[in-house]
Amino acid sequence: MTAKCSLSKKLPVEDYLVEERPYCVPMGDEVEEIFPAACRNLLPIDLKGSTGCGKPAEE
């Protein structure tokens, strides 16, 4: 059985699209070492932070 979301009919998606990338400051060696190593080994990365802090959904 497939559940349907009634909100999709009431809230237009276009009003909530992100038009520009969120600002992000790398911490330590995450960009140069950790992210590429995780990608090479097919490992997921858990981005932690409070709601609305700029974590990307999926790219």
C-alpha atoms as a PDB file:
ATOM      1  CA  MET A   1       0.000   0.000   0.000  1.00  0.00           C
ATOM      2  CA  THR A   2       1.347   3.426  -0.945  1.00  0.00           C
ATOM      3  CA  ALA A   3       0.728   6.333   1.403  1.00  0.00           C
ATOM      4  CA  LYS A   4      -0.125   9.675  -0.116  1.00  0.00           C
ATOM      5  CA  CYS A   5       0.909  12.989   1.368  1.00  0.00           C
ATOM      6  CA  SER A   6      -1.953  15.439   1.458  1.00  0.00           C
ATOM      7  CA  LEU A   7       0.440  18.377   1.910  1.00  0.00           C
ATOM      8  CA  SER A   8       1.787  18.049  -1.626  1.00  0.00           C
ATOM      9  CA  LYS A   9      -1.543  19.284  -2.950  1.00  0.00           C
ATOM     10  CA  LYS A  10      -1.632  22.251  -0.583  1.00  0.00           C
ATOM     11  CA  LEU A  11       1.992  23.444  -0.651  1.00  0.00           C
ATOM     12  CA  PRO A  12       3.563  24.272  -4.025  1.00  0.00           C
ATOM     13  CA  VAL A  13       7.086  22.812  -4.166  1.00  0.00           C
ATOM     14  CA  GLU A  14       8.362  25.791  -6.179  1.00  0.00           C
ATOM     15  CA  ASP A  15       7.964  28.040  -3.123  1.00  0.00           C
ATOM     16  CA  TYR A  16      10.480  25.931  -1.166  1.00  0.00           C
ATOM     17  CA  LEU A  17      13.266  25.264  -3.682  1.00  0.00           C
ATOM     18  CA  VAL A  18      16.773  26.322  -2.637  1.00  0.00           C
ATOM     19  CA  GLU A  19      18.130  28.622  -5.335  1.00  0.00           C
ATOM     20  CA  GLU A  20      21.702  29.036  -4.118  1.00  0.00           C
ATOM     21  CA  ARG A  21      24.150  26.767  -2.351  1.00  0.00           C
ATOM     22  CA  PRO A  22      24.358  27.181   1.423  1.00  0.00           C
ATOM     23  CA  TYR A  23      27.536  28.747   2.791  1.00  0.00           C
ATOM     24  CA  CYS A  24      29.805  26.117   4.335  1.00  0.00           C
ATOM     25  CA  VAL A  25      33.146  26.448   6.124  1.00  0.00           C
ATOM     26  CA  PRO A  26      35.217  23.232   6.059  1.00  0.00           C
ATOM     27  CA  MET A  27      36.399  21.947   9.427  1.00  0.00           C
ATOM     28  CA  GLY A  28      39.922  20.547   9.418  1.00  0.00           C
ATOM     29  CA  ASP A  29      40.747  18.093   6.629  1.00  0.00           C
ATOM     30  CA  GLU A  30      37.194  16.987   5.774  1.00  0.00           C
ATOM     31  CA  VAL A  31      37.193  18.240   2.180  1.00  0.00           C
ATOM     32  CA  GLU A  32      40.709  17.219   1.171  1.00  0.00           C
ATOM     33  CA  GLU A  33      40.898  13.847   2.935  1.00  0.00           C
ATOM     34  CA  ILE A  34      37.749  12.562   4.633  1.00  0.00           C
ATOM     35  CA  PHE A  35      35.131  13.086   1.901  1.00  0.00           C
ATOM     36  CA  PRO A  36      37.264  11.635  -0.940  1.00  0.00           C
ATOM     37  CA  ALA A  37      38.273   8.635   1.242  1.00  0.00           C
ATOM     38  CA  ALA A  38      34.634   7.924   2.077  1.00  0.00           C
ATOM     39  CA  CYS A  39      33.701   8.163  -1.599  1.00  0.00           C
ATOM     40  CA  ARG A  40      36.500   5.798  -2.679  1.00  0.00           C
ATOM     41  CA  ASN A  41      35.381   3.247  -0.098  1.00  0.00           C
ATOM     42  CA  LEU A  42      31.653   3.735  -0.801  1.00  0.00           C
ATOM     43  CA  LEU A  43      31.045   4.846   2.786  1.00  0.00           C
ATOM     44  CA  PRO A  44      28.237   7.218   3.763  1.00  0.00           C
ATOM     45  CA  ILE A  45      28.940  10.449   5.612  1.00  0.00           C
ATOM     46  CA  ASP A  46      26.629  11.626   8.365  1.00  0.00           C
ATOM     47  CA  LEU A  47      26.333  15.415   8.262  1.00  0.00           C
ATOM     48  CA  LYS A  48      25.331  16.573  11.712  1.00  0.00           C
ATOM     49  CA  GLY A  49      23.836  19.877  12.680  1.00  0.00           C
ATOM     50  CA  SER A  50      20.608  21.468  13.722  1.00  0.00           C
ATOM     51  CA  THR A  51      17.735  21.907  11.296  1.00  0.00           C
ATOM     52  CA  GLY A  52      18.315  24.824   8.931  1.00  0.00           C
ATOM     53  CA  CYS A  53      22.075  25.050   9.534  1.00  0.00           C
ATOM     54  CA  GLY A  54      22.914  24.437   5.874  1.00  0.00           C
ATOM     55  CA  LYS A  55      23.357  20.684   5.525  1.00  0.00           C
ATOM     56  CA  PRO A  56      22.658  19.759   1.897  1.00  0.00           C
ATOM     57  CA  ALA A  57      19.956  17.189   1.245  1.00  0.00           C
ATOM     58  CA  GLU A  58      21.352  15.114  -1.604  1.00  0.00           C
ATOM     59  CA  GLU A  59      23.374  16.202  -4.551  1.00  0.00           C
END
